[in-house]
Amino acid sequence: MLVNLKTILSGTREGGYAVGLFNCVTLEMTRGIIAAAEELRSPVIIGPGESLLPGASLPDYADMMLGIARRSSVPVAVHFDHGFTPELVEEAISLGFTSVMYDGSALSMEDNIARTQDVVRMA
């Protein structure tokens, strides 16, 4: 079942547990991660990072991961990890990713803060 990151993390502090984020680059990896989560009855976070995009396009990753997440019997958040441009983070949101992370760490502190604020407003 596809859920957002807030839903996945809502009980972690009180329950004293963590939820793993696994970067997926293939159909086999994605299926394996979801199968393990279902066997353990554990929520899970999956997704690509921008650095993985040479392997496939963001829409291709979205099609694969979102479809598998929707059919899962456990909560699954689909996260776009370390997006280096606001435009790519916006694309991930429009494709249906339930969580995104903008990474402005290569920018000056002032530019990082300004761009992060822009991404938060956009999201």
C-alpha atoms as a PDB file:
ATOM      1  CA  MET A   1       0.000   0.000   0.000  1.00  0.00           C
ATOM      2  CA  LEU A   2       1.440   3.332  -1.069  1.00  0.00           C
ATOM      3  CA  VAL A   3       1.680   5.838   1.792  1.00  0.00           C
ATOM      4  CA  ASN A   4       3.566   9.037   2.508  1.00  0.00           C
ATOM      5  CA  LEU A   5       6.665   9.334   4.660  1.00  0.00           C
ATOM      6  CA  LYS A   6       4.761  10.945   7.540  1.00  0.00           C
ATOM      7  CA  THR A   7       2.548   7.858   7.779  1.00  0.00           C
ATOM      8  CA  ILE A   8       5.554   5.507   7.695  1.00  0.00           C
ATOM      9  CA  LEU A   9       7.399   7.391  10.428  1.00  0.00           C
ATOM     10  CA  SER A  10       4.456   8.257  12.680  1.00  0.00           C
ATOM     11  CA  GLY A  11       5.014   5.488  15.239  1.00  0.00           C
ATOM     12  CA  THR A  12       8.774   5.123  15.132  1.00  0.00           C
ATOM     13  CA  ARG A  13       9.714   7.337  18.066  1.00  0.00           C
ATOM     14  CA  GLU A  14       7.103   5.923  20.414  1.00  0.00           C
ATOM     15  CA  GLY A  15       7.657   2.369  19.167  1.00  0.00           C
ATOM     16  CA  GLY A  16      11.445   2.577  19.349  1.00  0.00           C
ATOM     17  CA  TYR A  17      12.035   1.320  15.804  1.00  0.00           C
ATOM     18  CA  ALA A  18      13.439   2.593  12.512  1.00  0.00           C
ATOM     19  CA  VAL A  19      12.259   2.170   8.933  1.00  0.00           C
ATOM     20  CA  GLY A  20      14.875   1.477   6.283  1.00  0.00           C
ATOM     21  CA  LEU A  21      15.254   3.441   3.060  1.00  0.00           C
ATOM     22  CA  PHE A  22      16.538   1.334   0.195  1.00  0.00           C
ATOM     23  CA  ASN A  23      17.699   2.853  -3.077  1.00  0.00           C
ATOM     24  CA  CYS A  24      16.460   0.635  -5.890  1.00  0.00           C
ATOM     25  CA  VAL A  25      17.937   0.528  -9.370  1.00  0.00           C
ATOM     26  CA  THR A  26      16.294  -2.540 -10.910  1.00  0.00           C
ATOM     27  CA  LEU A  27      12.992  -4.323 -10.956  1.00  0.00           C
ATOM     28  CA  GLU A  28      14.589  -7.296  -9.221  1.00  0.00           C
ATOM     29  CA  MET A  29      15.933  -5.139  -6.381  1.00  0.00           C
ATOM     30  CA  THR A  30      12.583  -3.447  -5.920  1.00  0.00           C
ATOM     31  CA  ARG A  31      10.697  -6.733  -5.859  1.00  0.00           C
ATOM     32  CA  GLY A  32      13.222  -8.241  -3.445  1.00  0.00           C
ATOM     33  CA  ILE A  33      13.012  -5.336  -1.021  1.00  0.00           C
ATOM     34  CA  ILE A  34       9.200  -5.399  -1.034  1.00  0.00           C
ATOM     35  CA  ALA A  35       9.130  -9.202  -0.646  1.00  0.00           C
ATOM     36  CA  ALA A  36      11.410  -8.968   2.401  1.00  0.00           C
ATOM     37  CA  ALA A  37       9.280  -6.188   3.909  1.00  0.00           C
ATOM     38  CA  GLU A  38       6.119  -8.242   3.363  1.00  0.00           C
ATOM     39  CA  GLU A  39       7.694 -11.347   4.882  1.00  0.00           C
ATOM     40  CA  LEU A  40       8.703  -9.322   7.950  1.00  0.00           C
ATOM     41  CA  ARG A  41       5.385  -7.377   7.968  1.00  0.00           C
ATOM     42  CA  SER A  42       7.479  -4.199   8.079  1.00  0.00           C
ATOM     43  CA  PRO A  43       6.906  -0.812   6.484  1.00  0.00           C
ATOM     44  CA  VAL A  44       9.632   0.225   4.069  1.00  0.00           C
ATOM     45  CA  ILE A  45      10.878   3.219   2.103  1.00  0.00           C
ATOM     46  CA  ILE A  46      12.138   2.693  -1.446  1.00  0.00           C
ATOM     47  CA  GLY A  47      13.302   4.997  -4.170  1.00  0.00           C
ATOM     48  CA  PRO A  48      16.006   6.234  -6.464  1.00  0.00           C
ATOM     49  CA  GLY A  49      18.486   8.999  -5.830  1.00  0.00           C
ATOM     50  CA  GLU A  50      19.367  11.483  -8.524  1.00  0.00           C
ATOM     51  CA  SER A  51      22.803   9.883  -8.807  1.00  0.00           C
ATOM     52  CA  LEU A  52      21.065   6.663  -9.943  1.00  0.00           C
ATOM     53  CA  LEU A  53      19.229   8.294 -12.850  1.00  0.00           C
ATOM     54  CA  PRO A  54      21.760   7.304 -15.503  1.00  0.00           C
ATOM     55  CA  GLY A  55      20.311   3.782 -15.093  1.00  0.00           C
ATOM     56  CA  ALA A  56      16.763   4.835 -15.976  1.00  0.00           C
ATOM     57  CA  SER A  57      14.676   7.969 -16.210  1.00  0.00           C
ATOM     58  CA  LEU A  58      12.737   9.325 -13.244  1.00  0.00           C
ATOM     59  CA  PRO A  59       9.388   8.510 -14.950  1.00  0.00           C
ATOM     60  CA  ASP A  60      10.575   4.924 -15.522  1.00  0.00           C
ATOM     61  CA  TYR A  61      11.550   4.540 -11.861  1.00  0.00           C
ATOM     62  CA  ALA A  62       8.220   6.083 -10.828  1.00  0.00           C
ATOM     63  CA  ASP A  63       6.215   3.683 -12.992  1.00  0.00           C
ATOM     64  CA  MET A  64       8.012   0.661 -11.564  1.00  0.00           C
ATOM     65  CA  MET A  65       8.191   1.623  -7.894  1.00  0.00           C
ATOM     66  CA  LEU A  66       4.793   3.266  -7.490  1.00  0.00           C
ATOM     67  CA  GLY A  67       3.024   0.328  -9.119  1.00  0.00           C
ATOM     68  CA  ILE A  68       4.783  -2.208  -6.910  1.00  0.00           C
ATOM     69  CA  ALA A  69       4.193  -0.066  -3.799  1.00  0.00           C
ATOM     70  CA  ARG A  70       0.463   0.213  -4.509  1.00  0.00           C
ATOM     71  CA  ARG A  71       0.155  -3.575  -4.712  1.00  0.00           C
ATOM     72  CA  SER A  72       2.192  -4.237  -1.557  1.00  0.00           C
ATOM     73  CA  SER A  73       0.531  -5.615   1.550  1.00  0.00           C
ATOM     74  CA  VAL A  74       2.703  -3.411   3.810  1.00  0.00           C
ATOM     75  CA  PRO A  75       3.057   0.384   3.909  1.00  0.00           C
ATOM     76  CA  VAL A  76       5.555   1.629   1.329  1.00  0.00           C
ATOM     77  CA  ALA A  77       6.736   5.206   0.858  1.00  0.00           C
ATOM     78  CA  VAL A  78       8.384   5.989  -2.469  1.00  0.00           C
ATOM     79  CA  HIS A  79      11.097   8.571  -1.870  1.00  0.00           C
ATOM     80  CA  PHE A  80      13.160  10.604  -4.350  1.00  0.00           C
ATOM     81  CA  ASP A  81      16.503  10.865  -2.600  1.00  0.00           C
ATOM     82  CA  HIS A  82      19.080  13.653  -2.955  1.00  0.00           C
ATOM     83  CA  GLY A  83      17.543  15.656  -5.772  1.00  0.00           C
ATOM     84  CA  PHE A  84      20.134  18.272  -6.698  1.00  0.00           C
ATOM     85  CA  THR A  85      17.815  20.548  -8.675  1.00  0.00           C
ATOM     86  CA  PRO A  86      14.445  21.952  -7.657  1.00  0.00           C
ATOM     87  CA  GLU A  87      13.120  21.076 -11.122  1.00  0.00           C
ATOM     88  CA  LEU A  88      13.851  17.381 -10.688  1.00  0.00           C
ATOM     89  CA  VAL A  89      12.318  17.386  -7.194  1.00  0.00           C
ATOM     90  CA  GLU A  90       9.217  19.040  -8.661  1.00  0.00           C
ATOM     91  CA  GLU A  91       9.089  16.356 -11.370  1.00  0.00           C
ATOM     92  CA  ALA A  92       9.278  13.631  -8.702  1.00  0.00           C
ATOM     93  CA  ILE A  93       6.348  15.191  -6.858  1.00  0.00           C
ATOM     94  CA  SER A  94       4.313  15.449 -10.062  1.00  0.00           C
ATOM     95  CA  LEU A  95       5.051  11.774 -10.823  1.00  0.00           C
ATOM     96  CA  GLY A  96       3.589  10.725  -7.455  1.00  0.00           C
ATOM     97  CA  PHE A  97       6.614  10.181  -5.228  1.00  0.00           C
ATOM     98  CA  THR A  98       5.311  10.357  -1.666  1.00  0.00           C
ATOM     99  CA  SER A  99       8.501  11.866  -0.276  1.00  0.00           C
ATOM    100  CA  VAL A 100      11.338  13.964  -1.684  1.00  0.00           C
ATOM    101  CA  MET A 101      14.679  15.245  -0.447  1.00  0.00           C
ATOM    102  CA  TYR A 102      16.300  18.313  -1.973  1.00  0.00           C
ATOM    103  CA  ASP A 103      20.091  18.338  -1.610  1.00  0.00           C
ATOM    104  CA  GLY A 104      21.603  21.805  -1.861  1.00  0.00           C
ATOM    105  CA  SER A 105      24.783  20.857  -0.027  1.00  0.00           C
ATOM    106  CA  ALA A 106      27.035  21.879  -2.941  1.00  0.00           C
ATOM    107  CA  LEU A 107      25.696  25.455  -2.774  1.00  0.00           C
ATOM    108  CA  SER A 108      26.639  28.272  -0.459  1.00  0.00           C
ATOM    109  CA  MET A 109      24.707  28.268   2.809  1.00  0.00           C
ATOM    110  CA  GLU A 110      22.617  31.252   1.681  1.00  0.00           C
ATOM    111  CA  ASP A 111      21.756  29.694  -1.699  1.00  0.00           C
ATOM    112  CA  ASN A 112      21.035  26.331  -0.074  1.00  0.00           C
ATOM    113  CA  ILE A 113      18.591  27.925   2.378  1.00  0.00           C
ATOM    114  CA  ALA A 114      16.891  29.990  -0.346  1.00  0.00           C
ATOM    115  CA  ARG A 115      16.472  27.044  -2.742  1.00  0.00           C
ATOM    116  CA  THR A 116      15.327  24.735   0.053  1.00  0.00           C
ATOM    117  CA  GLN A 117      12.678  27.277   1.025  1.00  0.00           C
ATOM    118  CA  ASP A 118      11.550  27.428  -2.620  1.00  0.00           C
ATOM    119  CA  VAL A 119      11.272  23.625  -2.756  1.00  0.00           C
ATOM    120  CA  VAL A 120       9.287  23.531   0.502  1.00  0.00           C
ATOM    121  CA  ARG A 121       6.835  26.124  -0.850  1.00  0.00           C
ATOM    122  CA  MET A 122       6.521  24.206  -4.116  1.00  0.00           C
ATOM    123  CA  ALA A 123       5.965  20.878  -2.355  1.00  0.00           C
END
